[in-house]
Amino acid sequence: MNAAELRDKSKDELQTRERELREQLFKLRFQRATGRVENPMKIREVRREIARIKTLMQERSQA
């Protein structure tokens, strides 16, 4: 999901999405630790999307 799509979402939707991504990141890290991760780049993508959401939420709180 890109930044433009995230901007269309409400605060509650963003918080829900962030929670889902954090759970997914936990599972991916666990898979990496056990050596079963299918796509190592997915970890990077999830981390970046979490950062986008946090940045957007911070922008909204300052406005």
PDB file of N, CA and C in Angstrom:
ATOM      1  N   MET A   1       0.847  -1.169   0.000  1.00  0.00           N
ATOM      2  CA  MET A   1       0.000   0.000   0.000  1.00  0.00           C
ATOM      3  C   MET A   1       0.896   1.236   0.000  1.00  0.00           C
ATOM      4  N   ASN A   2       0.604   2.172  -0.878  1.00  0.00           N
ATOM      5  CA  ASN A   2       1.452   3.355  -0.972  1.00  0.00           C
ATOM      6  C   ASN A   2       0.901   4.494  -0.113  1.00  0.00           C
ATOM      7  N   ALA A   3       1.641   5.580  -0.057  1.00  0.00           N
ATOM      8  CA  ALA A   3       1.294   6.693   0.815  1.00  0.00           C
ATOM      9  C   ALA A   3      -0.030   7.337   0.413  1.00  0.00           C
ATOM     10  N   ALA A   4      -0.321   7.409  -0.863  1.00  0.00           N
ATOM     11  CA  ALA A   4      -1.574   8.023  -1.315  1.00  0.00           C
ATOM     12  C   ALA A   4      -2.779   7.225  -0.818  1.00  0.00           C
ATOM     13  N   GLU A   5      -2.676   5.914  -0.849  1.00  0.00           N
ATOM     14  CA  GLU A   5      -3.770   5.076  -0.356  1.00  0.00           C
ATOM     15  C   GLU A   5      -3.923   5.219   1.154  1.00  0.00           C
ATOM     16  N   LEU A   6      -2.799   5.365   1.846  1.00  0.00           N
ATOM     17  CA  LEU A   6      -2.852   5.504   3.296  1.00  0.00           C
ATOM     18  C   LEU A   6      -3.479   6.827   3.706  1.00  0.00           C
ATOM     19  N   ARG A   7      -3.268   7.866   2.925  1.00  0.00           N
ATOM     20  CA  ARG A   7      -3.813   9.181   3.263  1.00  0.00           C
ATOM     21  C   ARG A   7      -5.340   9.191   3.223  1.00  0.00           C
ATOM     22  N   ASP A   8      -5.929   8.284   2.454  1.00  0.00           N
ATOM     23  CA  ASP A   8      -7.386   8.221   2.349  1.00  0.00           C
ATOM     24  C   ASP A   8      -8.034   7.514   3.541  1.00  0.00           C
ATOM     25  N   LYS A   9      -7.247   6.892   4.368  1.00  0.00           N
ATOM     26  CA  LYS A   9      -7.787   6.119   5.486  1.00  0.00           C
ATOM     27  C   LYS A   9      -7.935   6.978   6.738  1.00  0.00           C
ATOM     28  N   SER A  10      -8.874   6.571   7.595  1.00  0.00           N
ATOM     29  CA  SER A  10      -9.098   7.293   8.844  1.00  0.00           C
ATOM     30  C   SER A  10      -8.062   6.873   9.880  1.00  0.00           C
ATOM     31  N   LYS A  11      -8.066   7.568  11.008  1.00  0.00           N
ATOM     32  CA  LYS A  11      -7.107   7.284  12.074  1.00  0.00           C
ATOM     33  C   LYS A  11      -7.289   5.866  12.601  1.00  0.00           C
ATOM     34  N   ASP A  12      -8.539   5.446  12.785  1.00  0.00           N
ATOM     35  CA  ASP A  12      -8.810   4.092  13.285  1.00  0.00           C
ATOM     36  C   ASP A  12      -8.341   3.027  12.307  1.00  0.00           C
ATOM     37  N   GLU A  13      -8.566   3.271  11.020  1.00  0.00           N
ATOM     38  CA  GLU A  13      -8.116   2.317  10.001  1.00  0.00           C
ATOM     39  C   GLU A  13      -6.597   2.214   9.981  1.00  0.00           C
ATOM     40  N   LEU A  14      -5.927   3.335  10.144  1.00  0.00           N
ATOM     41  CA  LEU A  14      -4.460   3.334  10.170  1.00  0.00           C
ATOM     42  C   LEU A  14      -3.930   2.578  11.383  1.00  0.00           C
ATOM     43  N   GLN A  15      -4.560   2.783  12.529  1.00  0.00           N
ATOM     44  CA  GLN A  15      -4.128   2.078  13.728  1.00  0.00           C
ATOM     45  C   GLN A  15      -4.340   0.572  13.595  1.00  0.00           C
ATOM     46  N   THR A  16      -5.451   0.192  12.994  1.00  0.00           N
ATOM     47  CA  THR A  16      -5.729  -1.225  12.770  1.00  0.00           C
ATOM     48  C   THR A  16      -4.712  -1.821  11.817  1.00  0.00           C
ATOM     49  N   ARG A  17      -4.414  -1.101  10.747  1.00  0.00           N
ATOM     50  CA  ARG A  17      -3.433  -1.585   9.767  1.00  0.00           C
ATOM     51  C   ARG A  17      -2.049  -1.715  10.395  1.00  0.00           C
ATOM     52  N   GLU A  18      -1.684  -0.749  11.238  1.00  0.00           N
ATOM     53  CA  GLU A  18      -0.383  -0.812  11.900  1.00  0.00           C
ATOM     54  C   GLU A  18      -0.307  -2.033  12.817  1.00  0.00           C
ATOM     55  N   ARG A  19      -1.380  -2.293  13.538  1.00  0.00           N
ATOM     56  CA  ARG A  19      -1.416  -3.455  14.428  1.00  0.00           C
ATOM     57  C   ARG A  19      -1.258  -4.755  13.631  1.00  0.00           C
ATOM     58  N   GLU A  20      -1.952  -4.842  12.500  1.00  0.00           N
ATOM     59  CA  GLU A  20      -1.849  -6.027  11.640  1.00  0.00           C
ATOM     60  C   GLU A  20      -0.420  -6.206  11.121  1.00  0.00           C
ATOM     61  N   LEU A  21       0.190  -5.105  10.710  1.00  0.00           N
ATOM     62  CA  LEU A  21       1.548  -5.166  10.182  1.00  0.00           C
ATOM     63  C   LEU A  21       2.553  -5.561  11.251  1.00  0.00           C
ATOM     64  N   ARG A  22       2.361  -5.079  12.472  1.00  0.00           N
ATOM     65  CA  ARG A  22       3.263  -5.461  13.563  1.00  0.00           C
ATOM     66  C   ARG A  22       3.168  -6.954  13.866  1.00  0.00           C
ATOM     67  N   GLU A  23       1.952  -7.496  13.800  1.00  0.00           N
ATOM     68  CA  GLU A  23       1.782  -8.935  13.992  1.00  0.00           C
ATOM     69  C   GLU A  23       2.463  -9.709  12.873  1.00  0.00           C
ATOM     70  N   GLN A  24       2.301  -9.219  11.655  1.00  0.00           N
ATOM     71  CA  GLN A  24       2.933  -9.866  10.505  1.00  0.00           C
ATOM     72  C   GLN A  24       4.453  -9.807  10.621  1.00  0.00           C
ATOM     73  N   LEU A  25       4.979  -8.672  11.060  1.00  0.00           N
ATOM     74  CA  LEU A  25       6.420  -8.521  11.226  1.00  0.00           C
ATOM     75  C   LEU A  25       6.944  -9.493  12.284  1.00  0.00           C
ATOM     76  N   PHE A  26       6.199  -9.651  13.373  1.00  0.00           N
ATOM     77  CA  PHE A  26       6.594 -10.603  14.414  1.00  0.00           C
ATOM     78  C   PHE A  26       6.682 -12.015  13.833  1.00  0.00           C
ATOM     79  N   LYS A  27       5.674 -12.393  13.054  1.00  0.00           N
ATOM     80  CA  LYS A  27       5.672 -13.735  12.457  1.00  0.00           C
ATOM     81  C   LYS A  27       6.834 -13.912  11.484  1.00  0.00           C
ATOM     82  N   LEU A  28       7.118 -12.875  10.699  1.00  0.00           N
ATOM     83  CA  LEU A  28       8.229 -12.947   9.748  1.00  0.00           C
ATOM     84  C   LEU A  28       9.569 -13.061  10.470  1.00  0.00           C
ATOM     85  N   ARG A  29       9.732 -12.320  11.549  1.00  0.00           N
ATOM     86  CA  ARG A  29      10.975 -12.410  12.316  1.00  0.00           C
ATOM     87  C   ARG A  29      11.127 -13.792  12.938  1.00  0.00           C
ATOM     88  N   PHE A  30      10.027 -14.354  13.386  1.00  0.00           N
ATOM     89  CA  PHE A  30      10.073 -15.701  13.957  1.00  0.00           C
ATOM     90  C   PHE A  30      10.458 -16.706  12.881  1.00  0.00           C
ATOM     91  N   GLN A  31       9.889 -16.558  11.687  1.00  0.00           N
ATOM     92  CA  GLN A  31      10.244 -17.448  10.575  1.00  0.00           C
ATOM     93  C   GLN A  31      11.711 -17.311  10.209  1.00  0.00           C
ATOM     94  N   ARG A  32      12.220 -16.088  10.227  1.00  0.00           N
ATOM     95  CA  ARG A  32      13.624 -15.873   9.898  1.00  0.00           C
ATOM     96  C   ARG A  32      14.527 -16.546  10.929  1.00  0.00           C
ATOM     97  N   ALA A  33      14.130 -16.475  12.188  1.00  0.00           N
ATOM     98  CA  ALA A  33      14.936 -17.081  13.244  1.00  0.00           C
ATOM     99  C   ALA A  33      14.969 -18.601  13.120  1.00  0.00           C
ATOM    100  N   THR A  34      13.882 -19.185  12.635  1.00  0.00           N
ATOM    101  CA  THR A  34      13.839 -20.637  12.472  1.00  0.00           C
ATOM    102  C   THR A  34      14.331 -21.072  11.103  1.00  0.00           C
ATOM    103  N   GLY A  35      14.641 -20.101  10.242  1.00  0.00           N
ATOM    104  CA  GLY A  35      15.183 -20.414   8.928  1.00  0.00           C
ATOM    105  C   GLY A  35      14.142 -20.807   7.903  1.00  0.00           C
ATOM    106  N   ARG A  36      12.878 -20.425   8.116  1.00  0.00           N
ATOM    107  CA  ARG A  36      11.820 -20.820   7.204  1.00  0.00           C
ATOM    108  C   ARG A  36      11.204 -19.655   6.439  1.00  0.00           C
ATOM    109  N   VAL A  37      11.825 -18.510   6.448  1.00  0.00           N
ATOM    110  CA  VAL A  37      11.237 -17.348   5.769  1.00  0.00           C
ATOM    111  C   VAL A  37      11.280 -17.569   4.259  1.00  0.00           C
ATOM    112  N   GLU A  38      10.128 -17.342   3.607  1.00  0.00           N
ATOM    113  CA  GLU A  38      10.024 -17.569   2.167  1.00  0.00           C
ATOM    114  C   GLU A  38      10.564 -16.388   1.369  1.00  0.00           C
ATOM    115  N   ASN A  39      10.233 -15.162   1.833  1.00  0.00           N
ATOM    116  CA  ASN A  39      10.635 -13.968   1.106  1.00  0.00           C
ATOM    117  C   ASN A  39      11.275 -12.980   2.089  1.00  0.00           C
ATOM    118  N   PRO A  40      12.594 -12.952   2.176  1.00  0.00           N
ATOM    119  CA  PRO A  40      13.260 -12.056   3.132  1.00  0.00           C
ATOM    120  C   PRO A  40      12.974 -10.569   2.886  1.00  0.00           C
ATOM    121  N   MET A  41      12.659 -10.201   1.668  1.00  0.00           N
ATOM    122  CA  MET A  41      12.368  -8.797   1.358  1.00  0.00           C
ATOM    123  C   MET A  41      11.035  -8.355   1.949  1.00  0.00           C
ATOM    124  N   LYS A  42      10.173  -9.300   2.292  1.00  0.00           N
ATOM    125  CA  LYS A  42       8.877  -8.965   2.868  1.00  0.00           C
ATOM    126  C   LYS A  42       9.051  -8.259   4.210  1.00  0.00           C
ATOM    127  N   ILE A  43      10.083  -8.626   4.952  1.00  0.00           N
ATOM    128  CA  ILE A  43      10.357  -7.974   6.240  1.00  0.00           C
ATOM    129  C   ILE A  43      10.617  -6.490   6.016  1.00  0.00           C
ATOM    130  N   ARG A  44      11.402  -6.184   5.028  1.00  0.00           N
ATOM    131  CA  ARG A  44      11.736  -4.791   4.711  1.00  0.00           C
ATOM    132  C   ARG A  44      10.485  -4.014   4.286  1.00  0.00           C
ATOM    133  N   GLU A  45       9.652  -4.645   3.448  1.00  0.00           N
ATOM    134  CA  GLU A  45       8.431  -3.991   2.980  1.00  0.00           C
ATOM    135  C   GLU A  45       7.483  -3.677   4.138  1.00  0.00           C
ATOM    136  N   VAL A  46       7.339  -4.620   5.049  1.00  0.00           N
ATOM    137  CA  VAL A  46       6.442  -4.423   6.189  1.00  0.00           C
ATOM    138  C   VAL A  46       6.969  -3.306   7.089  1.00  0.00           C
ATOM    139  N   ARG A  47       8.272  -3.301   7.351  1.00  0.00           N
ATOM    140  CA  ARG A  47       8.858  -2.250   8.185  1.00  0.00           C
ATOM    141  C   ARG A  47       8.642  -0.874   7.564  1.00  0.00           C
ATOM    142  N   ARG A  48       8.796  -0.781   6.269  1.00  0.00           N
ATOM    143  CA  ARG A  48       8.624   0.513   5.592  1.00  0.00           C
ATOM    144  C   ARG A  48       7.170   0.973   5.624  1.00  0.00           C
ATOM    145  N   GLU A  49       6.236   0.033   5.491  1.00  0.00           N
ATOM    146  CA  GLU A  49       4.831   0.431   5.543  1.00  0.00           C
ATOM    147  C   GLU A  49       4.455   0.898   6.950  1.00  0.00           C
ATOM    148  N   ILE A  50       4.997   0.247   7.969  1.00  0.00           N
ATOM    149  CA  ILE A  50       4.768   0.694   9.342  1.00  0.00           C
ATOM    150  C   ILE A  50       5.304   2.119   9.506  1.00  0.00           C
ATOM    151  N   ALA A  51       6.480   2.388   8.966  1.00  0.00           N
ATOM    152  CA  ALA A  51       7.072   3.728   9.052  1.00  0.00           C
ATOM    153  C   ALA A  51       6.207   4.752   8.328  1.00  0.00           C
ATOM    154  N   ARG A  52       5.649   4.383   7.183  1.00  0.00           N
ATOM    155  CA  ARG A  52       4.772   5.312   6.455  1.00  0.00           C
ATOM    156  C   ARG A  52       3.544   5.659   7.297  1.00  0.00           C
ATOM    157  N   ILE A  53       2.962   4.658   7.918  1.00  0.00           N
ATOM    158  CA  ILE A  53       1.774   4.878   8.734  1.00  0.00           C
ATOM    159  C   ILE A  53       2.106   5.771   9.924  1.00  0.00           C
ATOM    160  N   LYS A  54       3.216   5.497  10.590  1.00  0.00           N
ATOM    161  CA  LYS A  54       3.602   6.304  11.749  1.00  0.00           C
ATOM    162  C   LYS A  54       3.880   7.745  11.337  1.00  0.00           C
ATOM    163  N   THR A  55       4.514   7.940  10.197  1.00  0.00           N
ATOM    164  CA  THR A  55       4.797   9.284   9.705  1.00  0.00           C
ATOM    165  C   THR A  55       3.503  10.030   9.425  1.00  0.00           C
ATOM    166  N   LEU A  56       2.573   9.365   8.768  1.00  0.00           N
ATOM    167  CA  LEU A  56       1.299   9.988   8.441  1.00  0.00           C
ATOM    168  C   LEU A  56       0.515  10.353   9.703  1.00  0.00           C
ATOM    169  N   MET A  57       0.524   9.464  10.678  1.00  0.00           N
ATOM    170  CA  MET A  57      -0.169   9.748  11.931  1.00  0.00           C
ATOM    171  C   MET A  57       0.478  10.924  12.663  1.00  0.00           C
ATOM    172  N   GLN A  58       1.796  11.013  12.613  1.00  0.00           N
ATOM    173  CA  GLN A  58       2.506  12.121  13.230  1.00  0.00           C
ATOM    174  C   GLN A  58       2.175  13.443  12.529  1.00  0.00           C
ATOM    175  N   GLU A  59       2.112  13.423  11.199  1.00  0.00           N
ATOM    176  CA  GLU A  59       1.753  14.625  10.442  1.00  0.00           C
ATOM    177  C   GLU A  59       0.364  15.112  10.830  1.00  0.00           C
ATOM    178  N   ARG A  60      -0.559  14.166  10.963  1.00  0.00           N
ATOM    179  CA  ARG A  60      -1.922  14.533  11.320  1.00  0.00           C
ATOM    180  C   ARG A  60      -2.011  15.096  12.732  1.00  0.00           C
ATOM    181  N   SER A  61      -1.214  14.560  13.643  1.00  0.00           N
ATOM    182  CA  SER A  61      -1.288  15.057  15.019  1.00  0.00           C
ATOM    183  C   SER A  61      -0.691  16.463  15.139  1.00  0.00           C
ATOM    184  N   GLN A  62       0.247  16.808  14.285  1.00  0.00           N
ATOM    185  CA  GLN A  62       0.864  18.136  14.331  1.00  0.00           C
ATOM    186  C   GLN A  62       0.010  19.195  13.633  1.00  0.00           C
ATOM    187  N   ALA A  63      -0.867  18.748  12.734  1.00  0.00           N
ATOM    188  CA  ALA A  63      -1.687  19.704  11.979  1.00  0.00           C
ATOM    189  C   ALA A  63      -2.853  20.235  12.779  1.00  0.00           C
TER     190      ALA A  63
END
